[in-house]
Amino acid sequence: MLGAIAGDIIGSFYEFTEQKRYAFELLPQGSRFTDDSVMRLLLWLIGWLIMMRTD
């Protein structure tokens, strides 16, 4: 989960650019969380709430 969110944040700066190099700055200024990060957290929370539910 953390790796997926970190990948979203790292890739957010390069998402709409023609980045072809493997050597790039890991967290340039302007990196931010994305809607994908929010959805992953929401799905994790829903799964956790379902698992914690007691009948």
N, C-alpha and C. Protein backbone atom coordinates (compact mmCIF):
# COMPACT_ATOMS: atom_id res chain seq x y z
N MET A 1 0.83 -1.19 0.00
CA MET A 1 0.00 0.00 0.00
C MET A 1 0.88 1.26 0.00
N LEU A 2 1.85 1.28 0.89
CA LEU A 2 2.72 2.46 0.96
C LEU A 2 3.54 2.62 -0.32
N GLY A 3 3.97 1.51 -0.89
CA GLY A 3 4.74 1.57 -2.13
C GLY A 3 3.91 2.11 -3.29
N ALA A 4 2.64 1.74 -3.34
CA ALA A 4 1.77 2.23 -4.41
C ALA A 4 1.53 3.72 -4.27
N ILE A 5 1.31 4.18 -3.05
CA ILE A 5 1.10 5.60 -2.82
C ILE A 5 2.38 6.38 -3.08
N ALA A 6 3.52 5.84 -2.65
CA ALA A 6 4.80 6.51 -2.93
C ALA A 6 5.03 6.62 -4.44
N GLY A 7 4.71 5.57 -5.17
CA GLY A 7 4.85 5.60 -6.62
C GLY A 7 3.95 6.64 -7.27
N ASP A 8 2.74 6.80 -6.74
CA ASP A 8 1.84 7.83 -7.26
C ASP A 8 2.41 9.22 -7.03
N ILE A 9 2.94 9.45 -5.84
CA ILE A 9 3.49 10.77 -5.51
C ILE A 9 4.74 11.05 -6.34
N ILE A 10 5.62 10.07 -6.44
CA ILE A 10 6.85 10.25 -7.22
C ILE A 10 6.52 10.48 -8.69
N GLY A 11 5.57 9.74 -9.22
CA GLY A 11 5.23 9.85 -10.63
C GLY A 11 4.32 11.01 -10.97
N SER A 12 3.74 11.68 -9.96
CA SER A 12 2.79 12.75 -10.25
C SER A 12 3.43 13.90 -11.02
N PHE A 13 4.67 14.18 -10.75
CA PHE A 13 5.37 15.28 -11.42
C PHE A 13 5.62 14.95 -12.89
N TYR A 14 5.83 13.67 -13.18
CA TYR A 14 6.21 13.24 -14.53
C TYR A 14 5.04 12.68 -15.33
N GLU A 15 3.83 12.72 -14.79
CA GLU A 15 2.69 12.03 -15.39
C GLU A 15 2.38 12.51 -16.81
N PHE A 16 2.43 13.79 -17.08
CA PHE A 16 2.04 14.31 -18.38
C PHE A 16 3.24 14.87 -19.14
N THR A 17 4.42 14.32 -18.90
CA THR A 17 5.62 14.76 -19.61
C THR A 17 6.18 13.61 -20.44
N GLU A 18 7.05 13.92 -21.34
CA GLU A 18 7.71 12.92 -22.18
C GLU A 18 9.01 12.48 -21.51
N GLN A 19 8.94 11.95 -20.33
CA GLN A 19 10.11 11.53 -19.56
C GLN A 19 10.56 10.16 -20.05
N LYS A 20 11.74 10.08 -20.66
CA LYS A 20 12.26 8.81 -21.18
C LYS A 20 13.51 8.35 -20.44
N ARG A 21 14.04 9.18 -19.54
CA ARG A 21 15.27 8.83 -18.83
C ARG A 21 14.95 8.01 -17.58
N TYR A 22 15.91 7.19 -17.18
CA TYR A 22 15.78 6.44 -15.94
C TYR A 22 16.36 7.22 -14.76
N ALA A 23 17.24 8.16 -15.03
CA ALA A 23 17.83 8.99 -13.98
C ALA A 23 16.99 10.26 -13.87
N PHE A 24 16.22 10.36 -12.79
CA PHE A 24 15.38 11.52 -12.58
C PHE A 24 15.35 11.84 -11.09
N GLU A 25 14.95 13.05 -10.77
CA GLU A 25 14.86 13.47 -9.37
C GLU A 25 13.68 12.73 -8.74
N LEU A 26 13.90 12.17 -7.56
CA LEU A 26 12.89 11.32 -6.93
C LEU A 26 11.66 12.12 -6.49
N LEU A 27 11.86 13.20 -5.79
CA LEU A 27 10.74 14.01 -5.32
C LEU A 27 10.96 15.47 -5.68
N PRO A 28 10.75 15.85 -6.93
CA PRO A 28 10.95 17.25 -7.30
C PRO A 28 9.86 18.12 -6.68
N GLN A 29 10.14 19.40 -6.57
CA GLN A 29 9.14 20.32 -6.05
C GLN A 29 7.96 20.30 -7.02
N GLY A 30 6.79 20.15 -6.52
CA GLY A 30 5.61 20.03 -7.37
C GLY A 30 5.00 18.64 -7.32
N SER A 31 5.69 17.68 -6.69
CA SER A 31 5.10 16.35 -6.51
C SER A 31 3.96 16.45 -5.51
N ARG A 32 2.90 15.68 -5.75
CA ARG A 32 1.75 15.73 -4.86
C ARG A 32 1.01 14.40 -4.91
N PHE A 33 0.11 14.19 -3.97
CA PHE A 33 -0.70 12.99 -4.03
C PHE A 33 -1.72 13.15 -5.15
N THR A 34 -2.19 12.04 -5.68
CA THR A 34 -3.10 12.08 -6.82
C THR A 34 -4.45 11.48 -6.44
N ASP A 35 -5.37 11.52 -7.35
CA ASP A 35 -6.67 10.90 -7.11
C ASP A 35 -6.52 9.39 -6.93
N ASP A 36 -5.53 8.79 -7.59
CA ASP A 36 -5.28 7.36 -7.40
C ASP A 36 -4.87 7.06 -5.96
N SER A 37 -4.07 7.93 -5.37
CA SER A 37 -3.66 7.76 -3.97
C SER A 37 -4.87 7.82 -3.05
N VAL A 38 -5.76 8.77 -3.30
CA VAL A 38 -6.97 8.91 -2.48
C VAL A 38 -7.85 7.68 -2.61
N MET A 39 -8.01 7.16 -3.81
CA MET A 39 -8.84 5.97 -4.01
C MET A 39 -8.24 4.75 -3.33
N ARG A 40 -6.91 4.60 -3.38
CA ARG A 40 -6.27 3.46 -2.70
C ARG A 40 -6.50 3.53 -1.20
N LEU A 41 -6.36 4.73 -0.63
CA LEU A 41 -6.60 4.88 0.81
C LEU A 41 -8.05 4.59 1.16
N LEU A 42 -8.97 5.05 0.32
CA LEU A 42 -10.38 4.81 0.56
C LEU A 42 -10.71 3.32 0.51
N LEU A 43 -10.18 2.62 -0.49
CA LEU A 43 -10.43 1.18 -0.59
C LEU A 43 -9.81 0.43 0.57
N TRP A 44 -8.63 0.85 1.01
CA TRP A 44 -8.01 0.23 2.18
C TRP A 44 -8.88 0.44 3.41
N LEU A 45 -9.39 1.67 3.59
CA LEU A 45 -10.23 1.97 4.75
C LEU A 45 -11.51 1.15 4.73
N ILE A 46 -12.14 1.03 3.58
CA ILE A 46 -13.36 0.22 3.49
C ILE A 46 -13.07 -1.23 3.82
N GLY A 47 -11.97 -1.77 3.28
CA GLY A 47 -11.60 -3.15 3.60
C GLY A 47 -11.33 -3.34 5.07
N TRP A 48 -10.65 -2.38 5.68
CA TRP A 48 -10.35 -2.46 7.11
C TRP A 48 -11.63 -2.42 7.93
N LEU A 49 -12.55 -1.52 7.56
CA LEU A 49 -13.82 -1.42 8.29
C LEU A 49 -14.63 -2.70 8.16
N ILE A 50 -14.63 -3.32 7.00
CA ILE A 50 -15.35 -4.58 6.81
C ILE A 50 -14.73 -5.67 7.67
N MET A 51 -13.41 -5.72 7.73
CA MET A 51 -12.74 -6.74 8.53
C MET A 51 -12.97 -6.53 10.03
N MET A 52 -13.11 -5.30 10.47
CA MET A 52 -13.28 -4.99 11.88
C MET A 52 -14.74 -5.09 12.34
N ARG A 53 -15.63 -5.21 11.39
CA ARG A 53 -17.06 -5.27 11.73
C ARG A 53 -17.35 -6.56 12.52
N THR A 54 -18.08 -6.40 13.57
CA THR A 54 -18.48 -7.57 14.36
C THR A 54 -19.99 -7.74 14.24
N ASP A 55 -20.40 -8.96 14.01
CA ASP A 55 -21.83 -9.23 13.85
C ASP A 55 -22.47 -9.64 15.15
